[in-house]
Amino acid sequence: MAVPKSKITRSKRGMRRSGHAKETVTWVEDKKSGELRRPHHIDLKTGMYRGKQILEPKEEF
């Protein structure tokens, strides 16, 4: 059975767990519409991605 050679300090434990924090979601302003959207994601309202039409735009009801 594996047994630790020495006690892990609070500092080392905290450094190991530093990547466990939730990341904040990044938003960018769309150049054409001015609305906020996620970077590297398709804009679902317009269906555009990197200047190309990928999906049909969502219809407003």
N, C-alpha and C. Protein backbone atom coordinates (compact mmCIF):
# COMPACT_ATOMS: atom_id res chain seq x y z
N MET A 1 0.83 -1.18 0.00
CA MET A 1 0.00 0.00 0.00
C MET A 1 0.88 1.25 0.00
N ALA A 2 0.49 2.24 -0.76
CA ALA A 2 1.29 3.46 -0.84
C ALA A 2 1.09 4.30 0.40
N VAL A 3 2.19 4.73 0.98
CA VAL A 3 2.15 5.56 2.17
C VAL A 3 2.93 6.83 1.87
N PRO A 4 2.35 8.03 2.14
CA PRO A 4 3.07 9.27 1.87
C PRO A 4 4.31 9.39 2.75
N LYS A 5 5.38 9.90 2.18
CA LYS A 5 6.64 10.02 2.92
C LYS A 5 6.57 11.15 3.95
N SER A 6 5.81 12.21 3.60
CA SER A 6 5.69 13.34 4.53
C SER A 6 4.32 13.99 4.36
N LYS A 7 3.98 14.83 5.33
CA LYS A 7 2.69 15.52 5.31
C LYS A 7 2.64 16.53 4.17
N ILE A 8 1.51 16.59 3.50
CA ILE A 8 1.31 17.60 2.45
C ILE A 8 0.84 18.89 3.13
N THR A 9 1.56 19.97 2.92
CA THR A 9 1.22 21.24 3.56
C THR A 9 -0.04 21.83 2.94
N ARG A 10 -0.65 22.77 3.66
CA ARG A 10 -1.85 23.45 3.15
C ARG A 10 -1.55 24.17 1.84
N SER A 11 -0.33 24.70 1.74
CA SER A 11 0.07 25.42 0.53
C SER A 11 0.12 24.49 -0.68
N LYS A 12 0.79 23.35 -0.53
CA LYS A 12 0.90 22.40 -1.64
C LYS A 12 -0.48 21.86 -2.02
N ARG A 13 -1.30 21.56 -1.01
CA ARG A 13 -2.65 21.06 -1.27
C ARG A 13 -3.46 22.11 -2.04
N GLY A 14 -3.31 23.38 -1.63
CA GLY A 14 -4.03 24.46 -2.30
C GLY A 14 -3.56 24.65 -3.73
N MET A 15 -2.25 24.52 -3.96
CA MET A 15 -1.72 24.65 -5.32
C MET A 15 -2.26 23.55 -6.23
N ARG A 16 -2.37 22.34 -5.69
CA ARG A 16 -2.90 21.24 -6.48
C ARG A 16 -4.37 21.46 -6.82
N ARG A 17 -5.10 22.05 -5.91
CA ARG A 17 -6.54 22.27 -6.10
C ARG A 17 -6.86 23.57 -6.82
N SER A 18 -5.85 24.34 -7.20
CA SER A 18 -6.10 25.64 -7.81
C SER A 18 -6.84 25.53 -9.13
N GLY A 19 -6.67 24.42 -9.82
CA GLY A 19 -7.35 24.24 -11.10
C GLY A 19 -8.78 23.78 -10.95
N HIS A 20 -9.23 23.54 -9.72
CA HIS A 20 -10.60 23.07 -9.51
C HIS A 20 -11.62 24.20 -9.50
N ALA A 21 -11.15 25.44 -9.46
CA ALA A 21 -12.06 26.58 -9.40
C ALA A 21 -12.85 26.69 -10.69
N LYS A 22 -14.11 27.12 -10.58
CA LYS A 22 -14.94 27.30 -11.76
C LYS A 22 -14.43 28.50 -12.55
N GLU A 23 -14.38 28.33 -13.86
CA GLU A 23 -13.94 29.42 -14.70
C GLU A 23 -15.13 30.33 -15.01
N THR A 24 -14.86 31.61 -15.15
CA THR A 24 -15.92 32.53 -15.54
C THR A 24 -16.11 32.44 -17.05
N VAL A 25 -17.34 32.57 -17.48
CA VAL A 25 -17.66 32.47 -18.90
C VAL A 25 -17.30 33.78 -19.58
N THR A 26 -16.60 33.68 -20.71
CA THR A 26 -16.17 34.85 -21.45
C THR A 26 -17.21 35.21 -22.51
N TRP A 27 -17.47 36.48 -22.64
CA TRP A 27 -18.40 36.97 -23.67
C TRP A 27 -17.68 38.04 -24.48
N VAL A 28 -17.97 38.09 -25.78
CA VAL A 28 -17.43 39.13 -26.64
C VAL A 28 -18.59 39.83 -27.34
N GLU A 29 -18.37 41.08 -27.72
CA GLU A 29 -19.41 41.84 -28.41
C GLU A 29 -19.33 41.56 -29.90
N ASP A 30 -20.47 41.19 -30.49
CA ASP A 30 -20.52 40.91 -31.92
C ASP A 30 -20.30 42.21 -32.69
N LYS A 31 -19.47 42.18 -33.73
CA LYS A 31 -19.13 43.39 -34.46
C LYS A 31 -20.32 43.96 -35.23
N LYS A 32 -21.13 43.08 -35.82
CA LYS A 32 -22.26 43.55 -36.63
C LYS A 32 -23.47 43.93 -35.79
N SER A 33 -23.92 43.01 -34.93
CA SER A 33 -25.16 43.25 -34.19
C SER A 33 -24.94 43.97 -32.87
N GLY A 34 -23.74 43.90 -32.31
CA GLY A 34 -23.47 44.55 -31.04
C GLY A 34 -23.92 43.74 -29.84
N GLU A 35 -24.45 42.54 -30.06
CA GLU A 35 -24.91 41.69 -28.97
C GLU A 35 -23.75 40.85 -28.43
N LEU A 36 -23.90 40.40 -27.18
CA LEU A 36 -22.87 39.57 -26.58
C LEU A 36 -23.04 38.13 -27.02
N ARG A 37 -21.91 37.46 -27.27
CA ARG A 37 -21.93 36.05 -27.64
C ARG A 37 -20.64 35.41 -27.14
N ARG A 38 -20.62 34.06 -27.10
CA ARG A 38 -19.44 33.34 -26.68
C ARG A 38 -18.41 33.32 -27.81
N PRO A 39 -17.12 33.48 -27.51
CA PRO A 39 -16.12 33.39 -28.57
C PRO A 39 -16.00 31.95 -29.08
N HIS A 40 -15.73 31.77 -30.34
CA HIS A 40 -15.57 30.48 -31.00
C HIS A 40 -16.85 29.64 -30.96
N HIS A 41 -18.01 30.29 -30.91
CA HIS A 41 -19.30 29.61 -30.94
C HIS A 41 -20.16 30.22 -32.03
N ILE A 42 -21.07 29.43 -32.57
CA ILE A 42 -22.00 29.94 -33.57
C ILE A 42 -22.99 30.86 -32.90
N ASP A 43 -23.29 32.01 -33.52
CA ASP A 43 -24.31 32.92 -33.03
C ASP A 43 -25.66 32.32 -33.45
N LEU A 44 -26.43 31.85 -32.49
CA LEU A 44 -27.68 31.14 -32.81
C LEU A 44 -28.75 32.06 -33.37
N LYS A 45 -28.69 33.36 -33.06
CA LYS A 45 -29.71 34.27 -33.60
C LYS A 45 -29.52 34.50 -35.10
N THR A 46 -28.27 34.68 -35.51
CA THR A 46 -28.01 34.95 -36.93
C THR A 46 -27.55 33.72 -37.69
N GLY A 47 -27.00 32.72 -36.99
CA GLY A 47 -26.49 31.52 -37.64
C GLY A 47 -25.12 31.71 -38.27
N MET A 48 -24.43 32.77 -37.91
CA MET A 48 -23.13 33.08 -38.51
C MET A 48 -22.00 32.58 -37.62
N TYR A 49 -20.90 32.17 -38.26
CA TYR A 49 -19.67 31.81 -37.56
C TYR A 49 -18.51 32.21 -38.44
N ARG A 50 -17.65 33.08 -37.94
CA ARG A 50 -16.47 33.58 -38.66
C ARG A 50 -16.83 34.15 -40.02
N GLY A 51 -17.96 34.89 -40.07
CA GLY A 51 -18.36 35.56 -41.30
C GLY A 51 -19.07 34.69 -42.31
N LYS A 52 -19.35 33.43 -41.97
CA LYS A 52 -20.03 32.53 -42.88
C LYS A 52 -21.37 32.10 -42.29
N GLN A 53 -22.35 31.90 -43.16
CA GLN A 53 -23.66 31.43 -42.73
C GLN A 53 -23.60 29.92 -42.53
N ILE A 54 -23.73 29.46 -41.29
CA ILE A 54 -23.64 28.05 -40.95
C ILE A 54 -25.03 27.44 -40.76
N LEU A 55 -25.86 28.12 -40.00
CA LEU A 55 -27.21 27.66 -39.70
C LEU A 55 -28.24 28.65 -40.22
N GLU A 56 -29.45 28.18 -40.35
CA GLU A 56 -30.54 29.09 -40.67
C GLU A 56 -30.83 29.95 -39.45
N PRO A 57 -31.08 31.25 -39.63
CA PRO A 57 -31.37 32.11 -38.46
C PRO A 57 -32.63 31.66 -37.74
N LYS A 58 -32.65 31.84 -36.42
CA LYS A 58 -33.84 31.49 -35.64
C LYS A 58 -34.95 32.48 -35.97
N GLU A 59 -36.17 31.95 -36.07
CA GLU A 59 -37.32 32.81 -36.36
C GLU A 59 -37.86 33.36 -35.06
N GLU A 60 -38.29 34.63 -35.09
CA GLU A 60 -38.90 35.26 -33.92
C GLU A 60 -40.39 34.93 -33.93
N PHE A 61 -40.90 34.46 -32.81
CA PHE A 61 -42.32 34.13 -32.72
C PHE A 61 -43.09 35.22 -32.05
